[in-house]
Amino acid sequence: MIEAENLTKRYGDRTAVDDLSFTVVPGRVTGFLGPNGAGKSTTMRLLLGLDRPDRGDARIHGRHYRDLNAPMRVVGALLEARAVHTGRSAYNHLLCLAQTQGIGKKRVDEVVELVGLGGVARKRAGGFSLGMGQRLGIAAALLGDPSVLVLDEPVNGLDPEGIVWIRTLMQRLAAEGRTVFVSSHLMNEMAVTAEHLIVVGRGRLIADCSTEEFIERSTEKAVIVRSPDAARLADLVTAEGGKASVQEEGLLNVSHMEAPRVGELAAAEGIVLHELTPTRGSLESAFMELTRDSVEYGGAGEPAPAAVPAPSAVLAEEGENR
């Protein structure tokens, strides 16, 4: 289990994480979402002891990361996949990490095959593509066969086959009873990967609920209606307080009214319906709606605050130099 309690971290006059509390439990994939600058990476560094909180506490299995005797056997972390010695082969990079934790060569061979790097394991990691480097970072996270995984943007750089692979892997590991905590900006992918979401904005907690519940919070719900008498039905919907917009001839998009009520109005007036389909908002639409006031960096014409200064951090526990 991962526990964050009243975590607060400031850099100068900027608060990156603000009184943040949550728990990540075993047995399911928990997604960690937030706009750019929301404090996700800082939170993950606090969990792993790479930064010290100004206030609050972070524990894994009830202990601080720094107190774990063989941390890679408990926690597998991917924060920066490219944090490798570029002149070292992928195999030797993993072997070096394994030797710091008393992990044998057999496990190195296993994770190399597991992540699909068997054919290039003896090649220099500095020549790897983004996707191959990501697979190497995932291999390092899995090296100790840990019960907890903390993964920051694990699908970054992966092709469609690789995305399906890492999704299936995370879900399988969670089904084995492990704790899987993963951040991503790919909303559609998180919608089919994570069962539970922790959403933050400006360092504060916005939501801690199931993915389904989070999507249901979105107001972007509608009913798709097809009828040869769509114009008359639109008038009836509007008169009852709903909103009906004509998409094309015979097609309506109805909001602020449930599908059964639309059907009742049509039946009462003898209006033929060819389609009556309720829809719900997507994870992306719910995320955009519920984090709108927490966006740090706007588009053109919107001023953006100064970026959070990034502290230098060395992944000493894994032998990875930033």
C-alpha atoms as a PDB file:
ATOM      1  CA  MET A   1       0.000   0.000   0.000  1.00  0.00           C
ATOM      2  CA  ILE A   2       1.122   3.555  -0.767  1.00  0.00           C
ATOM      3  CA  GLU A   3       0.091   6.249   1.701  1.00  0.00           C
ATOM      4  CA  ALA A   4       0.495  10.006   1.284  1.00  0.00           C
ATOM      5  CA  GLU A   5      -0.534  12.094   4.271  1.00  0.00           C
ATOM      6  CA  ASN A   6      -0.770  15.889   4.081  1.00  0.00           C
ATOM      7  CA  LEU A   7       2.191  16.062   1.682  1.00  0.00           C
ATOM      8  CA  THR A   8       3.403  19.604   1.071  1.00  0.00           C
ATOM      9  CA  LYS A   9       6.437  20.646  -0.973  1.00  0.00           C
ATOM     10  CA  ARG A  10       7.523  24.176  -1.801  1.00  0.00           C
ATOM     11  CA  TYR A  11      10.262  25.485  -4.073  1.00  0.00           C
ATOM     12  CA  GLY A  12      10.912  29.062  -3.013  1.00  0.00           C
ATOM     13  CA  ASP A  13       7.570  30.845  -3.011  1.00  0.00           C
ATOM     14  CA  ARG A  14       5.964  28.199  -5.230  1.00  0.00           C
ATOM     15  CA  THR A  15       3.918  25.357  -3.715  1.00  0.00           C
ATOM     16  CA  ALA A  16       4.228  22.292  -5.946  1.00  0.00           C
ATOM     17  CA  VAL A  17       2.314  19.883  -3.665  1.00  0.00           C
ATOM     18  CA  ASP A  18      -0.250  21.303  -1.276  1.00  0.00           C
ATOM     19  CA  ASP A  19      -1.537  19.248   1.681  1.00  0.00           C
ATOM     20  CA  LEU A  20      -2.049  16.179  -0.515  1.00  0.00           C
ATOM     21  CA  SER A  21      -3.419  12.961   1.019  1.00  0.00           C
ATOM     22  CA  PHE A  22      -4.388   9.713  -0.691  1.00  0.00           C
ATOM     23  CA  THR A  23      -3.963   5.948  -0.454  1.00  0.00           C
ATOM     24  CA  VAL A  24      -3.147   3.535  -3.284  1.00  0.00           C
ATOM     25  CA  VAL A  25      -4.289   0.002  -2.519  1.00  0.00           C
ATOM     26  CA  PRO A  26      -3.183  -3.347  -3.999  1.00  0.00           C
ATOM     27  CA  GLY A  27      -5.167  -5.316  -6.524  1.00  0.00           C
ATOM     28  CA  ARG A  28      -6.016  -2.615  -9.043  1.00  0.00           C
ATOM     29  CA  VAL A  29      -4.344  -0.146 -11.392  1.00  0.00           C
ATOM     30  CA  THR A  30      -4.595   3.364  -9.957  1.00  0.00           C
ATOM     31  CA  GLY A  31      -4.153   6.207 -12.436  1.00  0.00           C
ATOM     32  CA  PHE A  32      -2.531   9.473 -11.365  1.00  0.00           C
ATOM     33  CA  LEU A  33      -3.800  12.365 -13.474  1.00  0.00           C
ATOM     34  CA  GLY A  34      -3.393  16.111 -13.563  1.00  0.00           C
ATOM     35  CA  PRO A  35      -2.572  18.980 -15.928  1.00  0.00           C
ATOM     36  CA  ASN A  36       1.042  19.918 -16.610  1.00  0.00           C
ATOM     37  CA  GLY A  37       2.525  21.449 -13.481  1.00  0.00           C
ATOM     38  CA  ALA A  38      -0.078  19.814 -11.221  1.00  0.00           C
ATOM     39  CA  GLY A  39       2.591  18.249  -8.994  1.00  0.00           C
ATOM     40  CA  LYS A  40       2.445  14.622 -10.177  1.00  0.00           C
ATOM     41  CA  SER A  41       6.178  14.109 -10.686  1.00  0.00           C
ATOM     42  CA  THR A  42       6.999  15.931  -7.458  1.00  0.00           C
ATOM     43  CA  THR A  43       4.563  13.692  -5.599  1.00  0.00           C
ATOM     44  CA  MET A  44       6.186  10.578  -7.032  1.00  0.00           C
ATOM     45  CA  ARG A  45       9.633  11.856  -6.011  1.00  0.00           C
ATOM     46  CA  LEU A  46       8.327  12.430  -2.490  1.00  0.00           C
ATOM     47  CA  LEU A  47       6.971   8.878  -2.363  1.00  0.00           C
ATOM     48  CA  LEU A  48      10.365   7.518  -3.384  1.00  0.00           C
ATOM     49  CA  GLY A  49      12.432   9.675  -1.057  1.00  0.00           C
ATOM     50  CA  LEU A  50      14.066  11.655  -3.862  1.00  0.00           C
ATOM     51  CA  ASP A  51      12.701  14.863  -2.320  1.00  0.00           C
ATOM     52  CA  ARG A  52      11.818  15.561   1.294  1.00  0.00           C
ATOM     53  CA  PRO A  53       8.421  17.079   2.023  1.00  0.00           C
ATOM     54  CA  ASP A  54       8.220  20.386   3.881  1.00  0.00           C
ATOM     55  CA  ARG A  55       5.281  18.869   5.711  1.00  0.00           C
ATOM     56  CA  GLY A  56       3.444  15.572   5.763  1.00  0.00           C
ATOM     57  CA  ASP A  57       4.627  12.034   5.199  1.00  0.00           C
ATOM     58  CA  ALA A  58       4.794   9.330   2.525  1.00  0.00           C
ATOM     59  CA  ARG A  59       5.043   5.608   3.253  1.00  0.00           C
ATOM     60  CA  ILE A  60       5.130   2.378   1.280  1.00  0.00           C
ATOM     61  CA  HIS A  61       3.973  -0.695   3.177  1.00  0.00           C
ATOM     62  CA  GLY A  62       4.021   1.501   6.258  1.00  0.00           C
ATOM     63  CA  ARG A  63       7.707   2.424   5.890  1.00  0.00           C
ATOM     64  CA  HIS A  64       9.682   5.269   4.370  1.00  0.00           C
ATOM     65  CA  TYR A  65      11.414   4.353   1.141  1.00  0.00           C
ATOM     66  CA  ARG A  66      14.808   5.199   2.637  1.00  0.00           C
ATOM     67  CA  ASP A  67      14.255   2.582   5.358  1.00  0.00           C
ATOM     68  CA  LEU A  68      13.750  -0.308   2.930  1.00  0.00           C
ATOM     69  CA  ASN A  69      16.735  -2.676   3.044  1.00  0.00           C
ATOM     70  CA  ALA A  70      16.399  -3.807  -0.585  1.00  0.00           C
ATOM     71  CA  PRO A  71      14.116  -1.165  -2.105  1.00  0.00           C
ATOM     72  CA  MET A  72      13.960  -2.629  -5.621  1.00  0.00           C
ATOM     73  CA  ARG A  73      12.521  -5.837  -4.186  1.00  0.00           C
ATOM     74  CA  VAL A  74       9.654  -3.815  -2.707  1.00  0.00           C
ATOM     75  CA  VAL A  75       9.169  -0.892  -5.101  1.00  0.00           C
ATOM     76  CA  GLY A  76       9.743  -0.823  -8.846  1.00  0.00           C
ATOM     77  CA  ALA A  77       9.983   2.765 -10.083  1.00  0.00           C
ATOM     78  CA  LEU A  78      10.064   4.376 -13.506  1.00  0.00           C
ATOM     79  CA  LEU A  79      10.481   8.139 -13.296  1.00  0.00           C
ATOM     80  CA  GLU A  80      12.974   8.800 -16.082  1.00  0.00           C
ATOM     81  CA  ALA A  81      13.500   5.947 -18.526  1.00  0.00           C
ATOM     82  CA  ARG A  82      16.532   7.600 -20.140  1.00  0.00           C
ATOM     83  CA  ALA A  83      18.455   7.828 -16.867  1.00  0.00           C
ATOM     84  CA  VAL A  84      21.009   5.232 -17.987  1.00  0.00           C
ATOM     85  CA  HIS A  85      24.731   5.151 -18.730  1.00  0.00           C
ATOM     86  CA  THR A  86      24.613   5.633 -22.497  1.00  0.00           C
ATOM     87  CA  GLY A  87      27.821   3.674 -23.081  1.00  0.00           C
ATOM     88  CA  ARG A  88      26.577   0.612 -21.222  1.00  0.00           C
ATOM     89  CA  SER A  89      24.573  -2.156 -22.861  1.00  0.00           C
ATOM     90  CA  ALA A  90      20.986  -2.687 -21.778  1.00  0.00           C
ATOM     91  CA  TYR A  91      21.955  -6.035 -20.235  1.00  0.00           C
ATOM     92  CA  ASN A  92      24.869  -4.605 -18.271  1.00  0.00           C
ATOM     93  CA  HIS A  93      22.728  -1.680 -17.095  1.00  0.00           C
ATOM     94  CA  LEU A  94      20.220  -4.133 -15.629  1.00  0.00           C
ATOM     95  CA  LEU A  95      22.974  -6.390 -14.288  1.00  0.00           C
ATOM     96  CA  CYS A  96      24.572  -3.455 -12.468  1.00  0.00           C
ATOM     97  CA  LEU A  97      21.256  -2.600 -10.832  1.00  0.00           C
ATOM     98  CA  ALA A  98      20.638  -6.239  -9.954  1.00  0.00           C
ATOM     99  CA  GLN A  99      23.998  -6.586  -8.231  1.00  0.00           C
ATOM    100  CA  THR A 100      23.227  -3.660  -5.914  1.00  0.00           C
ATOM    101  CA  GLN A 101      20.190  -5.583  -4.637  1.00  0.00           C
ATOM    102  CA  GLY A 102      21.523  -9.129  -4.574  1.00  0.00           C
ATOM    103  CA  ILE A 103      19.462 -10.125  -7.613  1.00  0.00           C
ATOM    104  CA  GLY A 104      20.861 -12.892  -9.803  1.00  0.00           C
ATOM    105  CA  LYS A 105      21.567 -12.981 -13.543  1.00  0.00           C
ATOM    106  CA  LYS A 106      18.608 -15.285 -14.132  1.00  0.00           C
ATOM    107  CA  ARG A 107      16.205 -12.483 -13.202  1.00  0.00           C
ATOM    108  CA  VAL A 108      18.015 -10.101 -15.544  1.00  0.00           C
ATOM    109  CA  ASP A 109      17.478 -12.571 -18.386  1.00  0.00           C
ATOM    110  CA  GLU A 110      13.803 -12.905 -17.435  1.00  0.00           C
ATOM    111  CA  VAL A 111      13.014  -9.189 -17.500  1.00  0.00           C
ATOM    112  CA  VAL A 112      14.952  -8.675 -20.739  1.00  0.00           C
ATOM    113  CA  GLU A 113      12.677 -11.206 -22.424  1.00  0.00           C
ATOM    114  CA  LEU A 114       9.585  -9.936 -20.625  1.00  0.00           C
ATOM    115  CA  VAL A 115       9.946  -6.418 -22.045  1.00  0.00           C
ATOM    116  CA  GLY A 116      10.926  -7.612 -25.531  1.00  0.00           C
ATOM    117  CA  LEU A 117      14.573  -6.496 -25.573  1.00  0.00           C
ATOM    118  CA  GLY A 118      16.106  -9.937 -26.093  1.00  0.00           C
ATOM    119  CA  GLY A 119      17.423  -9.075 -29.544  1.00  0.00           C
ATOM    120  CA  VAL A 120      19.110  -5.813 -28.528  1.00  0.00           C
ATOM    121  CA  ALA A 121      20.108  -6.434 -24.903  1.00  0.00           C
ATOM    122  CA  ARG A 122      23.820  -6.412 -25.740  1.00  0.00           C
ATOM    123  CA  LYS A 123      23.629  -3.105 -27.613  1.00  0.00           C
ATOM    124  CA  ARG A 124      24.502   0.265 -26.109  1.00  0.00           C
ATOM    125  CA  ALA A 125      21.519   1.828 -24.395  1.00  0.00           C
ATOM    126  CA  GLY A 126      22.546   5.257 -25.711  1.00  0.00           C
ATOM    127  CA  GLY A 127      21.526   4.186 -29.212  1.00  0.00           C
ATOM    128  CA  PHE A 128      18.043   3.083 -28.238  1.00  0.00           C
ATOM    129  CA  SER A 129      14.926   4.714 -29.626  1.00  0.00           C
ATOM    130  CA  LEU A 130      12.479   6.364 -27.231  1.00  0.00           C
ATOM    131  CA  GLY A 131      10.300   3.266 -27.167  1.00  0.00           C
ATOM    132  CA  MET A 132      13.216   0.885 -26.576  1.00  0.00           C
ATOM    133  CA  GLY A 133      14.515   3.140 -23.814  1.00  0.00           C
ATOM    134  CA  GLN A 134      11.064   3.043 -22.246  1.00  0.00           C
ATOM    135  CA  ARG A 135      11.084  -0.756 -22.299  1.00  0.00           C
ATOM    136  CA  LEU A 136      14.492  -0.729 -20.620  1.00  0.00           C
ATOM    137  CA  GLY A 137      13.154   1.549 -17.889  1.00  0.00           C
ATOM    138  CA  ILE A 138      10.209  -0.783 -17.338  1.00  0.00           C
ATOM    139  CA  ALA A 139      12.618  -3.735 -17.147  1.00  0.00           C
ATOM    140  CA  ALA A 140      14.556  -1.929 -14.410  1.00  0.00           C
ATOM    141  CA  ALA A 141      11.317  -1.311 -12.502  1.00  0.00           C
ATOM    142  CA  LEU A 142      10.408  -5.009 -12.697  1.00  0.00           C
ATOM    143  CA  LEU A 143      13.882  -6.297 -11.849  1.00  0.00           C
ATOM    144  CA  GLY A 144      13.254  -6.965  -8.154  1.00  0.00           C
ATOM    145  CA  ASP A 145       9.833  -8.574  -8.802  1.00  0.00           C
ATOM    146  CA  PRO A 146       8.373  -5.841  -6.559  1.00  0.00           C
ATOM    147  CA  SER A 147       4.974  -5.758  -4.893  1.00  0.00           C
ATOM    148  CA  VAL A 148       4.606  -2.017  -5.645  1.00  0.00           C
ATOM    149  CA  LEU A 149       5.069  -0.269  -9.000  1.00  0.00           C
ATOM    150  CA  VAL A 150       5.318   3.502  -9.405  1.00  0.00           C
ATOM    151  CA  LEU A 151       5.364   4.368 -13.108  1.00  0.00           C
ATOM    152  CA  ASP A 152       5.541   7.879 -14.561  1.00  0.00           C
ATOM    153  CA  GLU A 153       4.279   7.975 -18.179  1.00  0.00           C
ATOM    154  CA  PRO A 154       5.172   4.327 -18.963  1.00  0.00           C
ATOM    155  CA  VAL A 155       3.536   4.397 -22.427  1.00  0.00           C
ATOM    156  CA  ASN A 156       5.607   7.370 -23.590  1.00  0.00           C
ATOM    157  CA  GLY A 157       7.231   6.506 -26.929  1.00  0.00           C
ATOM    158  CA  LEU A 158       5.640   3.079 -27.272  1.00  0.00           C
ATOM    159  CA  ASP A 159       3.953   2.014 -30.499  1.00  0.00           C
ATOM    160  CA  PRO A 160       0.357   0.685 -30.455  1.00  0.00           C
ATOM    161  CA  GLU A 161       1.532  -2.881 -29.853  1.00  0.00           C
ATOM    162  CA  GLY A 162       3.718  -1.672 -26.997  1.00  0.00           C
ATOM    163  CA  ILE A 163       0.860   0.288 -25.438  1.00  0.00           C
ATOM    164  CA  VAL A 164      -1.371  -2.796 -25.430  1.00  0.00           C
ATOM    165  CA  TRP A 165       1.510  -4.806 -23.962  1.00  0.00           C
ATOM    166  CA  ILE A 166       2.185  -2.444 -21.040  1.00  0.00           C
ATOM    167  CA  ARG A 167      -1.555  -2.059 -20.369  1.00  0.00           C
ATOM    168  CA  THR A 168      -1.980  -5.833 -20.195  1.00  0.00           C
ATOM    169  CA  LEU A 169       1.135  -6.170 -18.037  1.00  0.00           C
ATOM    170  CA  MET A 170      -0.021  -3.565 -15.503  1.00  0.00           C
ATOM    171  CA  GLN A 171      -3.460  -5.127 -15.256  1.00  0.00           C
ATOM    172  CA  ARG A 172      -1.961  -8.602 -14.802  1.00  0.00           C
ATOM    173  CA  LEU A 173       0.392  -7.401 -12.072  1.00  0.00           C
ATOM    174  CA  ALA A 174      -2.500  -5.696 -10.292  1.00  0.00           C
ATOM    175  CA  ALA A 175      -4.583  -8.873 -10.579  1.00  0.00           C
ATOM    176  CA  GLU A 176      -1.744 -10.695  -8.794  1.00  0.00           C
ATOM    177  CA  GLY A 177      -2.345  -8.427  -5.804  1.00  0.00           C
ATOM    178  CA  ARG A 178       0.353  -5.839  -6.453  1.00  0.00           C
ATOM    179  CA  THR A 179      -0.007  -2.097  -6.064  1.00  0.00           C
ATOM    180  CA  VAL A 180       0.226  -0.312  -9.429  1.00  0.00           C
ATOM    181  CA  PHE A 181       0.370   3.503  -9.442  1.00  0.00           C
ATOM    182  CA  VAL A 182       0.733   5.021 -12.902  1.00  0.00           C
ATOM    183  CA  SER A 183       0.645   8.553 -14.301  1.00  0.00           C
ATOM    184  CA  SER A 184      -0.222   9.349 -17.896  1.00  0.00           C
ATOM    185  CA  HIS A 185      -1.444  12.142 -20.126  1.00  0.00           C
ATOM    186  CA  LEU A 186      -3.200   9.681 -22.463  1.00  0.00           C
ATOM    187  CA  MET A 187      -6.781   9.897 -21.245  1.00  0.00           C
ATOM    188  CA  ASN A 188      -8.167   7.270 -23.614  1.00  0.00           C
ATOM    189  CA  GLU A 189      -5.525   4.813 -22.443  1.00  0.00           C
ATOM    190  CA  MET A 190      -6.155   5.513 -18.773  1.00  0.00           C
ATOM    191  CA  ALA A 191      -9.875   5.000 -19.356  1.00  0.00           C
ATOM    192  CA  VAL A 192      -9.273   1.355 -20.313  1.00  0.00           C
ATOM    193  CA  THR A 193      -6.321   0.687 -17.981  1.00  0.00           C
ATOM    194  CA  ALA A 194      -7.051   2.218 -14.572  1.00  0.00           C
ATOM    195  CA  GLU A 195      -9.886   1.112 -12.302  1.00  0.00           C
ATOM    196  CA  HIS A 196      -9.311   3.966  -9.877  1.00  0.00           C
ATOM    197  CA  LEU A 197      -8.115   7.556 -10.328  1.00  0.00           C
ATOM    198  CA  ILE A 198      -6.325  10.105  -8.202  1.00  0.00           C
ATOM    199  CA  VAL A 199      -6.580  13.498  -9.890  1.00  0.00           C
ATOM    200  CA  VAL A 200      -4.624  16.558  -8.785  1.00  0.00           C
ATOM    201  CA  GLY A 201      -4.433  20.190  -9.856  1.00  0.00           C
ATOM    202  CA  ARG A 202      -2.063  22.883  -8.597  1.00  0.00           C
ATOM    203  CA  GLY A 203      -0.753  20.350  -6.099  1.00  0.00           C
ATOM    204  CA  ARG A 204      -4.157  19.715  -4.509  1.00  0.00           C
ATOM    205  CA  LEU A 205      -6.454  16.714  -4.631  1.00  0.00           C
ATOM    206  CA  ILE A 206      -9.373  17.080  -7.054  1.00  0.00           C
ATOM    207  CA  ALA A 207     -10.721  13.537  -7.097  1.00  0.00           C
ATOM    208  CA  ASP A 208     -10.055  10.141  -5.527  1.00  0.00           C
ATOM    209  CA  CYS A 209     -12.623   7.730  -6.949  1.00  0.00           C
ATOM    210  CA  SER A 210     -13.265   4.967  -9.448  1.00  0.00           C
ATOM    211  CA  THR A 211     -12.701   5.764 -13.120  1.00  0.00           C
ATOM    212  CA  GLU A 212     -16.392   5.177 -13.827  1.00  0.00           C
ATOM    213  CA  GLU A 213     -17.446   7.572 -11.077  1.00  0.00           C
ATOM    214  CA  PHE A 214     -15.064  10.238 -12.333  1.00  0.00           C
ATOM    215  CA  ILE A 215     -16.441  10.003 -15.866  1.00  0.00           C
ATOM    216  CA  GLU A 216     -19.993  10.206 -14.514  1.00  0.00           C
ATOM    217  CA  ARG A 217     -19.133  13.559 -12.921  1.00  0.00           C
ATOM    218  CA  SER A 218     -18.861  15.060 -16.389  1.00  0.00           C
ATOM    219  CA  THR A 219     -21.883  17.018 -17.547  1.00  0.00           C
ATOM    220  CA  GLU A 220     -21.168  16.076 -21.146  1.00  0.00           C
ATOM    221  CA  LYS A 221     -24.036  13.609 -21.450  1.00  0.00           C
ATOM    222  CA  ALA A 222     -26.381  13.546 -24.385  1.00  0.00           C
ATOM    223  CA  VAL A 223     -29.007  11.551 -26.211  1.00  0.00           C
ATOM    224  CA  ILE A 224     -28.646  10.907 -29.930  1.00  0.00           C
ATOM    225  CA  VAL A 225     -32.057  10.913 -31.637  1.00  0.00           C
ATOM    226  CA  ARG A 226     -32.939  10.123 -35.248  1.00  0.00           C
ATOM    227  CA  SER A 227     -36.445  10.857 -36.446  1.00  0.00           C
ATOM    228  CA  PRO A 228     -38.161  11.917 -39.674  1.00  0.00           C
ATOM    229  CA  ASP A 229     -39.903  14.551 -37.526  1.00  0.00           C
ATOM    230  CA  ALA A 230     -36.814  15.798 -35.696  1.00  0.00           C
ATOM    231  CA  ALA A 231     -37.738  19.480 -35.857  1.00  0.00           C
ATOM    232  CA  ARG A 232     -41.027  18.977 -34.044  1.00  0.00           C
ATOM    233  CA  LEU A 233     -39.378  16.758 -31.436  1.00  0.00           C
ATOM    234  CA  ALA A 234     -36.728  19.437 -30.880  1.00  0.00           C
ATOM    235  CA  ASP A 235     -39.472  21.939 -30.069  1.00  0.00           C
ATOM    236  CA  LEU A 236     -41.024  19.530 -27.565  1.00  0.00           C
ATOM    237  CA  VAL A 237     -37.658  18.917 -25.861  1.00  0.00           C
ATOM    238  CA  THR A 238     -36.978  22.657 -25.620  1.00  0.00           C
ATOM    239  CA  ALA A 239     -40.424  23.329 -24.175  1.00  0.00           C
ATOM    240  CA  GLU A 240     -39.673  20.809 -21.385  1.00  0.00           C
ATOM    241  CA  GLY A 241     -36.387  22.499 -20.476  1.00  0.00           C
ATOM    242  CA  GLY A 242     -34.036  20.316 -22.471  1.00  0.00           C
ATOM    243  CA  LYS A 243     -31.672  21.399 -25.209  1.00  0.00           C
ATOM    244  CA  ALA A 244     -31.822  19.984 -28.712  1.00  0.00           C
ATOM    245  CA  SER A 245     -29.362  20.823 -31.459  1.00  0.00           C
ATOM    246  CA  VAL A 246     -29.808  19.680 -35.034  1.00  0.00           C
ATOM    247  CA  GLN A 247     -26.689  17.827 -36.223  1.00  0.00           C
ATOM    248  CA  GLU A 248     -28.015  17.090 -39.689  1.00  0.00           C
ATOM    249  CA  GLU A 249     -31.390  16.445 -41.247  1.00  0.00           C
ATOM    250  CA  GLY A 250     -33.286  14.023 -39.034  1.00  0.00           C
ATOM    251  CA  LEU A 251     -30.560  13.897 -36.343  1.00  0.00           C
ATOM    252  CA  LEU A 252     -30.747  15.588 -32.943  1.00  0.00           C
ATOM    253  CA  ASN A 253     -28.307  15.881 -30.072  1.00  0.00           C
ATOM    254  CA  VAL A 254     -30.339  16.254 -26.882  1.00  0.00           C
ATOM    255  CA  SER A 255     -28.858  17.343 -23.553  1.00  0.00           C
ATOM    256  CA  HIS A 256     -30.311  18.087 -20.108  1.00  0.00           C
ATOM    257  CA  MET A 257     -32.913  15.365 -20.629  1.00  0.00           C
ATOM    258  CA  GLU A 258     -32.736  11.617 -20.124  1.00  0.00           C
ATOM    259  CA  ALA A 259     -33.409   9.204 -22.979  1.00  0.00           C
ATOM    260  CA  PRO A 260     -36.613   7.713 -21.444  1.00  0.00           C
ATOM    261  CA  ARG A 261     -38.206  11.173 -21.228  1.00  0.00           C
ATOM    262  CA  VAL A 262     -37.312  11.929 -24.852  1.00  0.00           C
ATOM    263  CA  GLY A 263     -38.990   8.659 -25.849  1.00  0.00           C
ATOM    264  CA  GLU A 264     -42.081   9.515 -23.800  1.00  0.00           C
ATOM    265  CA  LEU A 265     -42.410  12.925 -25.478  1.00  0.00           C
ATOM    266  CA  ALA A 266     -42.105  11.332 -28.911  1.00  0.00           C
ATOM    267  CA  ALA A 267     -44.658   8.620 -28.093  1.00  0.00           C
ATOM    268  CA  ALA A 268     -47.173  11.127 -26.720  1.00  0.00           C
ATOM    269  CA  GLU A 269     -47.089  13.047 -29.985  1.00  0.00           C
ATOM    270  CA  GLY A 270     -46.913  10.011 -32.277  1.00  0.00           C
ATOM    271  CA  ILE A 271     -43.407  10.883 -33.487  1.00  0.00           C
ATOM    272  CA  VAL A 272     -41.537   7.986 -35.063  1.00  0.00           C
ATOM    273  CA  LEU A 273     -38.040   7.355 -33.702  1.00  0.00           C
ATOM    274  CA  HIS A 274     -35.363   5.550 -35.697  1.00  0.00           C
ATOM    275  CA  GLU A 275     -32.718   5.884 -32.976  1.00  0.00           C
ATOM    276  CA  LEU A 276     -32.649   6.818 -29.293  1.00  0.00           C
ATOM    277  CA  THR A 277     -29.132   6.378 -27.887  1.00  0.00           C
ATOM    278  CA  PRO A 278     -27.915   7.786 -24.563  1.00  0.00           C
ATOM    279  CA  THR A 279     -24.227   8.685 -24.453  1.00  0.00           C
ATOM    280  CA  ARG A 280     -21.941   9.724 -21.634  1.00  0.00           C
ATOM    281  CA  GLY A 281     -18.869  11.883 -21.406  1.00  0.00           C
ATOM    282  CA  SER A 282     -15.404  10.456 -21.951  1.00  0.00           C
ATOM    283  CA  LEU A 283     -12.586  10.444 -19.407  1.00  0.00           C
ATOM    284  CA  GLU A 284     -10.963  13.176 -21.458  1.00  0.00           C
ATOM    285  CA  SER A 285     -14.034  15.400 -21.353  1.00  0.00           C
ATOM    286  CA  ALA A 286     -14.500  14.803 -17.621  1.00  0.00           C
ATOM    287  CA  PHE A 287     -10.827  15.563 -16.998  1.00  0.00           C
ATOM    288  CA  MET A 288     -10.919  18.773 -19.039  1.00  0.00           C
ATOM    289  CA  GLU A 289     -14.082  19.911 -17.307  1.00  0.00           C
ATOM    290  CA  LEU A 290     -13.053  19.120 -13.739  1.00  0.00           C
ATOM    291  CA  THR A 291      -9.483  20.421 -13.998  1.00  0.00           C
ATOM    292  CA  ARG A 292     -10.311  23.564 -15.980  1.00  0.00           C
ATOM    293  CA  ASP A 293      -9.586  25.838 -13.027  1.00  0.00           C
ATOM    294  CA  SER A 294      -6.343  24.027 -12.202  1.00  0.00           C
ATOM    295  CA  VAL A 295      -4.510  24.400 -15.512  1.00  0.00           C
ATOM    296  CA  GLU A 296      -1.072  25.921 -14.939  1.00  0.00           C
ATOM    297  CA  TYR A 297       0.023  26.476 -18.528  1.00  0.00           C
ATOM    298  CA  GLY A 298      -2.471  27.959 -20.964  1.00  0.00           C
ATOM    299  CA  GLY A 299      -2.463  28.158 -24.746  1.00  0.00           C
ATOM    300  CA  ALA A 300      -1.798  31.143 -26.957  1.00  0.00           C
ATOM    301  CA  GLY A 301      -2.938  34.386 -25.407  1.00  0.00           C
ATOM    302  CA  GLU A 302      -3.147  32.937 -21.896  1.00  0.00           C
ATOM    303  CA  PRO A 303      -0.369  33.889 -19.504  1.00  0.00           C
ATOM    304  CA  ALA A 304       1.357  30.980 -17.807  1.00  0.00           C
ATOM    305  CA  PRO A 305       3.031  31.164 -14.426  1.00  0.00           C
ATOM    306  CA  ALA A 306       6.721  30.535 -14.104  1.00  0.00           C
ATOM    307  CA  ALA A 307       7.629  26.869 -14.127  1.00  0.00           C
ATOM    308  CA  VAL A 308       8.351  25.021 -10.910  1.00  0.00           C
ATOM    309  CA  PRO A 309      12.125  24.865 -10.420  1.00  0.00           C
ATOM    310  CA  ALA A 310      13.159  21.240 -10.808  1.00  0.00           C
ATOM    311  CA  PRO A 311      15.421  20.091  -8.005  1.00  0.00           C
ATOM    312  CA  SER A 312      18.395  17.982  -8.979  1.00  0.00           C
ATOM    313  CA  ALA A 313      17.729  14.427  -7.885  1.00  0.00           C
ATOM    314  CA  VAL A 314      19.914  11.360  -8.058  1.00  0.00           C
ATOM    315  CA  LEU A 315      18.308   7.944  -8.179  1.00  0.00           C
ATOM    316  CA  ALA A 316      20.955   6.546  -5.836  1.00  0.00           C
ATOM    317  CA  GLU A 317      18.790   3.612  -4.865  1.00  0.00           C
ATOM    318  CA  GLU A 318      18.796   2.329  -8.439  1.00  0.00           C
ATOM    319  CA  GLY A 319      22.215   3.533  -9.540  1.00  0.00           C
ATOM    320  CA  GLU A 320      20.677   5.741 -12.223  1.00  0.00           C
ATOM    321  CA  ASN A 321      22.244   9.142 -12.729  1.00  0.00           C
ATOM    322  CA  ARG A 322      19.878  11.904 -13.747  1.00  0.00           C
END
